[in-house]
Protein backbone atom coordinates (compact mmCIF):
# COMPACT_ATOMS: atom_id res chain seq x y z
CA MET A 1 98.11 124.72 69.70
CA ALA A 2 101.95 124.85 69.27
CA GLN A 3 104.08 121.47 68.82
CA ILE A 4 106.65 120.54 71.14
CA GLU A 5 109.57 118.11 70.70
CA VAL A 6 109.42 115.29 73.01
CA HIS A 7 112.41 112.73 73.89
CA ARG A 8 111.99 109.45 75.04
CA LYS A 9 114.89 107.68 76.68
CA ALA A 10 115.50 103.93 75.86
CA TYR A 11 114.08 101.52 78.39
CA THR A 12 113.41 97.95 79.01
CA ARG A 13 109.97 96.63 79.86
CA LYS A 14 109.41 94.13 82.49
CA ASP A 15 109.00 91.49 79.76
CA GLY A 16 112.32 91.97 78.61
CA THR A 17 111.42 93.95 75.37
CA HIS A 18 113.78 96.70 74.58
CA VAL A 19 112.48 99.98 73.60
CA LYS A 20 114.78 102.20 71.63
CA ALA A 21 115.15 106.06 72.30
CA ALA A 22 112.95 108.15 70.16
CA THR A 23 112.06 111.88 69.72
CA TYR A 24 108.88 112.67 68.16
CA TYR A 25 106.58 115.96 68.15
CA ALA A 26 103.26 116.04 69.91
CA LYS A 27 100.58 118.65 70.54
CA ASP A 28 101.38 121.12 73.52
CA ARG A 29 98.68 120.45 76.28
CA GLY A 30 100.17 123.26 78.32
CA GLU A 31 100.25 123.26 82.26
CA PRO A 32 98.28 120.39 84.00
CA GLY A 33 94.94 121.98 85.21
CA LYS A 34 95.45 124.91 83.22
CA THR A 35 92.81 124.64 80.46
CA PRO A 36 92.55 127.77 78.08
CA GLU A 37 89.69 129.91 78.43
CA SER A 38 88.48 128.91 75.07
CA GLN A 39 88.02 125.39 76.05
CA LYS A 40 86.29 125.55 79.39
CA TRP A 41 82.71 124.81 78.56
CA TYR A 42 81.21 122.44 76.42
CA GLN A 43 79.56 123.88 73.15
CA HIS A 44 76.62 121.21 72.02
CA GLY A 45 76.56 122.77 68.52
CA VAL A 46 72.67 123.39 68.90
CA ASP A 47 71.09 126.09 71.11
CA MET A 48 68.58 124.09 73.09
CA ASN A 49 67.56 126.86 75.31
CA TRP A 50 67.81 124.13 78.10
CA SER A 51 68.24 125.52 81.63
CA LYS A 52 68.48 123.53 84.84
CA ASP A 53 65.91 126.06 86.26
CA MET A 54 63.14 125.21 84.11
CA VAL A 55 60.40 122.57 84.63
CA ALA A 56 61.19 118.92 83.37
CA GLU A 57 58.60 119.32 80.67
CA THR A 58 59.69 122.41 79.36
CA ARG A 59 63.54 121.34 79.27
CA ARG A 60 62.68 118.30 77.40
CA ARG A 61 60.37 120.28 74.93
CA HIS A 62 62.94 122.84 73.98
CA ALA A 63 65.74 120.14 73.70
CA LEU A 64 63.62 117.99 71.61
CA GLU A 65 62.79 120.97 69.36
CA ALA A 66 66.15 122.23 69.11
CA HIS A 67 67.43 118.63 67.64
CA LYS A 68 64.20 118.75 65.39
CA GLY A 69 62.41 115.71 66.94
CA ASP A 70 65.49 113.38 67.17
CA GLU A 71 65.14 111.83 70.39
CA LEU A 72 68.55 110.16 70.02
CA ALA A 73 70.33 112.98 69.15
CA THR A 74 68.86 114.87 72.14
CA ALA A 75 69.87 112.31 74.57
CA ARG A 76 73.39 112.31 73.37
CA SER A 77 73.56 116.10 73.65
CA LEU A 78 72.21 116.08 77.16
CA GLN A 79 74.47 113.27 78.21
CA ALA A 80 77.35 115.05 76.67
CA LEU A 81 76.36 118.16 78.91
CA ALA A 82 75.91 115.87 82.06
CA ASN A 83 79.48 114.48 81.44
CA VAL A 84 81.25 117.83 81.54
CA THR A 85 79.55 119.97 83.85
CA THR A 86 80.80 120.57 87.49
CA ASP A 87 77.34 121.73 88.81
CA SER A 88 75.45 118.81 90.55
CA ALA A 89 72.06 120.26 89.63
CA THR A 90 72.85 120.55 85.90
CA LYS A 91 74.42 117.16 85.80
CA ASN A 92 71.37 115.38 87.49
CA ARG A 93 68.89 117.23 85.46
CA ALA A 94 70.83 116.72 82.24
CA THR A 95 71.17 112.96 83.02
CA ALA A 96 67.71 112.55 83.92
CA ASP A 97 66.54 114.09 80.60
CA ALA A 98 69.03 112.15 78.73
CA ASP A 99 67.69 108.95 80.46
CA TYR A 100 64.29 109.99 79.62
CA PHE A 101 64.95 110.36 76.00
CA PHE A 102 66.88 107.05 75.53
CA SER A 103 64.12 105.27 76.86
CA ARG A 104 61.74 106.91 74.51
CA HIS A 105 63.99 106.23 71.64
CA LYS A 106 64.46 102.47 72.69
CA GLU A 107 60.39 101.99 72.91
CA ASN A 108 59.86 103.90 69.69
CA LYS A 109 62.49 101.77 67.90
């Protein structure tokens, strides 16, 4: 993404502190609500073969195998998926699976 030049005017805070005017460069984030197509979906870095339409046992087995048996990594990946999805069914099932793996990790710790 391109850099844009940002100009900040001088102002005085409520506590009396004076902030000087400044010019700095920042990452151009584009128009509000206009996320670039390339950034619209979460990429977990591991192909879990996880689907909301699968039975819970199958979903969890696929996710755990993809993370080579690491319950904590599996839980974090599923939690991240639940945090970014807009589909309520996916969010509910990913959260449930993440909670399952977090609790298993805590028991085995």
